[in-house]
Amino acid sequence: MKTYTFSNWIESSGGPFVIIEKKFAPLWGGTNGYPSDFDLACRTSNYIEEISTTNTTALILGDEPLRTLVAYSDDHNLIVRWRWATSEED
């Protein structure tokens, strides 16, 4: 069984989670322009979806603002979203 290291939980008060490579983060246009990168992210309708913006590509975790963390090992990265657990331990 693999050993994973877990990030802290990430939460938002609403809207989609945007996942983008750190080196491309400065290219994320936010709410600037029409349609803005944020507008494009909000238009996604799937649980997970890739969008192309003017400057880069981003992975959008849509649906509802679920608590999210990253679990990583030497050869895998997992995105974990809290949907039905009663506690962090579960």
N, C-alpha and C. Protein backbone atom coordinates (compact mmCIF):
# COMPACT_ATOMS: atom_id res chain seq x y z
N MET A 1 0.84 -1.18 0.00
CA MET A 1 0.00 0.00 0.00
C MET A 1 0.89 1.24 0.00
N LYS A 2 0.55 2.21 -0.82
CA LYS A 2 1.31 3.45 -0.93
C LYS A 2 1.13 4.32 0.31
N THR A 3 2.16 5.10 0.61
CA THR A 3 2.07 6.09 1.66
C THR A 3 1.87 7.45 1.01
N TYR A 4 0.84 8.16 1.43
CA TYR A 4 0.52 9.46 0.87
C TYR A 4 0.75 10.56 1.90
N THR A 5 1.13 11.72 1.42
CA THR A 5 1.19 12.93 2.22
C THR A 5 -0.01 13.76 1.81
N PHE A 6 -0.67 14.37 2.78
CA PHE A 6 -1.90 15.12 2.51
C PHE A 6 -1.68 16.60 2.73
N SER A 7 -2.21 17.41 1.82
CA SER A 7 -2.21 18.86 2.01
C SER A 7 -3.27 19.22 3.05
N ASN A 8 -3.33 20.48 3.41
CA ASN A 8 -4.44 20.97 4.23
C ASN A 8 -5.70 21.00 3.37
N TRP A 9 -6.84 20.98 4.03
CA TRP A 9 -8.10 21.13 3.30
C TRP A 9 -8.18 22.54 2.73
N ILE A 10 -8.69 22.64 1.51
CA ILE A 10 -8.92 23.92 0.85
C ILE A 10 -10.43 24.09 0.76
N GLU A 11 -10.92 25.27 1.12
CA GLU A 11 -12.36 25.52 1.07
C GLU A 11 -12.64 26.84 0.38
N SER A 12 -13.83 26.97 -0.15
CA SER A 12 -14.28 28.25 -0.71
C SER A 12 -15.70 28.50 -0.23
N SER A 13 -16.14 29.71 -0.43
CA SER A 13 -17.52 30.03 -0.04
C SER A 13 -18.47 29.87 -1.21
N GLY A 14 -17.96 29.36 -2.32
CA GLY A 14 -18.80 29.13 -3.49
C GLY A 14 -17.99 29.28 -4.76
N GLY A 15 -18.58 28.88 -5.84
CA GLY A 15 -17.88 28.97 -7.12
C GLY A 15 -17.00 27.77 -7.37
N PRO A 16 -16.46 27.68 -8.56
CA PRO A 16 -15.64 26.54 -8.93
C PRO A 16 -14.23 26.63 -8.34
N PHE A 17 -13.60 25.47 -8.17
CA PHE A 17 -12.19 25.40 -7.83
C PHE A 17 -11.43 25.39 -9.15
N VAL A 18 -10.39 26.21 -9.22
CA VAL A 18 -9.57 26.28 -10.42
C VAL A 18 -8.21 25.68 -10.10
N ILE A 19 -7.79 24.69 -10.88
CA ILE A 19 -6.49 24.07 -10.70
C ILE A 19 -5.65 24.40 -11.93
N ILE A 20 -4.50 24.99 -11.66
CA ILE A 20 -3.63 25.43 -12.73
C ILE A 20 -2.19 25.26 -12.27
N GLU A 21 -1.28 24.97 -13.19
CA GLU A 21 0.12 24.84 -12.81
C GLU A 21 0.62 26.16 -12.22
N LYS A 22 1.40 26.05 -11.17
CA LYS A 22 1.89 27.23 -10.45
C LYS A 22 2.58 28.22 -11.40
N LYS A 23 3.36 27.71 -12.34
CA LYS A 23 4.08 28.62 -13.24
C LYS A 23 3.15 29.40 -14.16
N PHE A 24 1.91 28.90 -14.35
CA PHE A 24 0.94 29.60 -15.19
C PHE A 24 -0.05 30.45 -14.40
N ALA A 25 0.00 30.36 -13.08
CA ALA A 25 -0.96 31.11 -12.25
C ALA A 25 -0.97 32.61 -12.55
N PRO A 26 0.18 33.25 -12.80
CA PRO A 26 0.14 34.68 -13.12
C PRO A 26 -0.62 34.99 -14.42
N LEU A 27 -0.82 33.99 -15.27
CA LEU A 27 -1.54 34.20 -16.52
C LEU A 27 -3.05 34.10 -16.38
N TRP A 28 -3.52 33.59 -15.21
CA TRP A 28 -4.96 33.47 -14.98
C TRP A 28 -5.54 34.87 -14.94
N GLY A 29 -6.52 35.14 -15.80
CA GLY A 29 -7.07 36.48 -15.95
C GLY A 29 -8.12 36.88 -14.93
N GLY A 30 -8.54 35.94 -14.08
CA GLY A 30 -9.55 36.28 -13.07
C GLY A 30 -10.82 36.80 -13.69
N THR A 31 -11.29 37.95 -13.23
CA THR A 31 -12.54 38.52 -13.72
C THR A 31 -12.31 39.59 -14.78
N ASN A 32 -11.09 39.73 -15.26
CA ASN A 32 -10.79 40.73 -16.29
C ASN A 32 -11.19 40.22 -17.66
N GLY A 33 -11.76 41.12 -18.47
CA GLY A 33 -12.12 40.77 -19.84
C GLY A 33 -13.50 40.17 -19.96
N TYR A 34 -13.92 39.98 -21.23
CA TYR A 34 -15.21 39.35 -21.48
C TYR A 34 -15.08 38.39 -22.64
N PRO A 35 -15.38 37.12 -22.52
CA PRO A 35 -15.67 36.53 -21.22
C PRO A 35 -14.38 36.38 -20.42
N SER A 36 -14.47 36.58 -19.15
CA SER A 36 -13.29 36.45 -18.29
C SER A 36 -12.98 34.98 -18.05
N ASP A 37 -11.76 34.72 -17.56
CA ASP A 37 -11.41 33.34 -17.22
C ASP A 37 -12.37 32.81 -16.15
N PHE A 38 -12.76 33.66 -15.21
CA PHE A 38 -13.71 33.25 -14.18
C PHE A 38 -15.07 32.92 -14.79
N ASP A 39 -15.52 33.73 -15.76
CA ASP A 39 -16.78 33.44 -16.46
C ASP A 39 -16.73 32.06 -17.11
N LEU A 40 -15.61 31.77 -17.78
CA LEU A 40 -15.46 30.46 -18.43
C LEU A 40 -15.50 29.33 -17.41
N ALA A 41 -14.86 29.52 -16.27
CA ALA A 41 -14.86 28.50 -15.22
C ALA A 41 -16.27 28.28 -14.68
N CYS A 42 -17.03 29.36 -14.52
CA CYS A 42 -18.39 29.26 -13.98
C CYS A 42 -19.36 28.62 -14.98
N ARG A 43 -19.03 28.62 -16.24
CA ARG A 43 -19.91 28.03 -17.26
C ARG A 43 -19.79 26.52 -17.34
N THR A 44 -18.83 25.94 -16.66
CA THR A 44 -18.69 24.48 -16.72
C THR A 44 -19.89 23.83 -16.05
N SER A 45 -20.27 22.68 -16.56
CA SER A 45 -21.45 22.01 -16.02
C SER A 45 -21.13 20.61 -15.48
N ASN A 46 -19.91 20.18 -15.65
CA ASN A 46 -19.53 18.85 -15.20
C ASN A 46 -18.83 18.92 -13.85
N TYR A 47 -18.73 17.77 -13.21
CA TYR A 47 -18.06 17.66 -11.91
C TYR A 47 -16.59 18.04 -12.02
N ILE A 48 -15.96 17.68 -13.14
CA ILE A 48 -14.59 18.06 -13.43
C ILE A 48 -14.51 18.33 -14.93
N GLU A 49 -13.84 19.43 -15.28
CA GLU A 49 -13.81 19.82 -16.69
C GLU A 49 -12.55 20.64 -16.96
N GLU A 50 -12.01 20.49 -18.14
CA GLU A 50 -10.84 21.27 -18.56
C GLU A 50 -11.33 22.42 -19.43
N ILE A 51 -10.79 23.62 -19.19
CA ILE A 51 -11.13 24.77 -20.03
C ILE A 51 -9.85 25.36 -20.61
N SER A 52 -9.97 25.95 -21.77
CA SER A 52 -8.87 26.69 -22.37
C SER A 52 -9.19 28.17 -22.23
N THR A 53 -8.26 28.89 -21.63
CA THR A 53 -8.42 30.33 -21.49
C THR A 53 -7.56 31.00 -22.55
N THR A 54 -7.51 32.30 -22.54
CA THR A 54 -6.68 33.02 -23.50
C THR A 54 -5.22 32.66 -23.34
N ASN A 55 -4.79 32.44 -22.09
CA ASN A 55 -3.37 32.27 -21.81
C ASN A 55 -2.92 30.86 -21.46
N THR A 56 -3.83 30.00 -21.03
CA THR A 56 -3.41 28.68 -20.55
C THR A 56 -4.62 27.74 -20.50
N THR A 57 -4.42 26.58 -19.94
CA THR A 57 -5.49 25.59 -19.74
C THR A 57 -5.63 25.36 -18.24
N ALA A 58 -6.85 25.20 -17.78
CA ALA A 58 -7.11 25.00 -16.35
C ALA A 58 -8.07 23.83 -16.16
N LEU A 59 -7.92 23.16 -15.04
CA LEU A 59 -8.83 22.11 -14.63
C LEU A 59 -9.83 22.72 -13.66
N ILE A 60 -11.11 22.54 -13.91
CA ILE A 60 -12.15 23.14 -13.09
C ILE A 60 -12.88 22.03 -12.34
N LEU A 61 -12.93 22.16 -11.02
CA LEU A 61 -13.73 21.26 -10.19
C LEU A 61 -15.03 21.99 -9.90
N GLY A 62 -16.08 21.61 -10.57
CA GLY A 62 -17.34 22.30 -10.45
C GLY A 62 -18.26 21.67 -9.42
N ASP A 63 -19.53 21.76 -9.68
CA ASP A 63 -20.58 21.23 -8.83
C ASP A 63 -20.79 22.14 -7.65
N GLU A 64 -20.41 21.74 -6.48
CA GLU A 64 -20.61 22.55 -5.28
C GLU A 64 -19.28 22.81 -4.59
N PRO A 65 -19.21 23.79 -3.70
CA PRO A 65 -17.93 24.12 -3.05
C PRO A 65 -17.54 23.10 -1.98
N LEU A 66 -17.04 21.96 -2.42
CA LEU A 66 -16.66 20.89 -1.50
C LEU A 66 -15.25 21.12 -0.97
N ARG A 67 -15.02 20.73 0.30
CA ARG A 67 -13.67 20.76 0.84
C ARG A 67 -12.81 19.85 -0.03
N THR A 68 -11.59 20.30 -0.31
CA THR A 68 -10.71 19.59 -1.23
C THR A 68 -9.30 19.55 -0.67
N LEU A 69 -8.59 18.43 -0.90
CA LEU A 69 -7.17 18.35 -0.55
C LEU A 69 -6.45 17.57 -1.62
N VAL A 70 -5.12 17.64 -1.58
CA VAL A 70 -4.30 16.86 -2.50
C VAL A 70 -3.53 15.84 -1.68
N ALA A 71 -3.58 14.60 -2.11
CA ALA A 71 -2.80 13.52 -1.51
C ALA A 71 -1.75 13.14 -2.54
N TYR A 72 -0.50 13.11 -2.12
CA TYR A 72 0.54 12.80 -3.09
C TYR A 72 1.55 11.81 -2.53
N SER A 73 2.08 11.01 -3.43
CA SER A 73 3.14 10.05 -3.12
C SER A 73 4.26 10.29 -4.13
N ASP A 74 5.22 9.39 -4.19
CA ASP A 74 6.32 9.56 -5.13
C ASP A 74 5.87 9.55 -6.59
N ASP A 75 4.82 8.79 -6.88
CA ASP A 75 4.43 8.65 -8.28
C ASP A 75 2.95 8.93 -8.57
N HIS A 76 2.20 9.41 -7.59
CA HIS A 76 0.78 9.72 -7.82
C HIS A 76 0.38 10.99 -7.10
N ASN A 77 -0.53 11.74 -7.71
CA ASN A 77 -1.21 12.85 -7.06
C ASN A 77 -2.70 12.57 -7.14
N LEU A 78 -3.39 12.71 -6.03
CA LEU A 78 -4.83 12.49 -5.98
C LEU A 78 -5.52 13.75 -5.50
N ILE A 79 -6.62 14.09 -6.13
CA ILE A 79 -7.46 15.19 -5.66
C ILE A 79 -8.61 14.55 -4.90
N VAL A 80 -8.74 14.90 -3.63
CA VAL A 80 -9.76 14.30 -2.77
C VAL A 80 -10.77 15.39 -2.42
N ARG A 81 -12.05 15.10 -2.66
CA ARG A 81 -13.11 16.05 -2.33
C ARG A 81 -14.01 15.44 -1.27
N TRP A 82 -14.33 16.21 -0.26
CA TRP A 82 -15.15 15.75 0.86
C TRP A 82 -16.61 15.89 0.46
N ARG A 83 -17.24 14.76 0.28
CA ARG A 83 -18.64 14.80 -0.12
C ARG A 83 -19.56 14.17 0.92
N TRP A 84 -19.21 13.01 1.49
CA TRP A 84 -20.14 12.31 2.38
C TRP A 84 -19.53 11.81 3.68
N ALA A 85 -18.39 12.26 4.08
CA ALA A 85 -17.79 11.79 5.34
C ALA A 85 -18.32 12.61 6.51
N THR A 86 -18.47 11.96 7.66
CA THR A 86 -18.98 12.66 8.84
C THR A 86 -17.88 13.39 9.60
N SER A 87 -16.61 13.00 9.35
CA SER A 87 -15.49 13.67 10.03
C SER A 87 -14.24 13.52 9.16
N GLU A 88 -13.19 14.28 9.48
CA GLU A 88 -11.94 14.18 8.74
C GLU A 88 -11.34 12.78 8.86
N GLU A 89 -11.49 12.16 10.01
CA GLU A 89 -10.94 10.82 10.20
C GLU A 89 -11.61 9.79 9.28
N ASP A 90 -12.92 9.95 9.07
CA ASP A 90 -13.64 9.01 8.20
C ASP A 90 -13.16 9.15 6.77
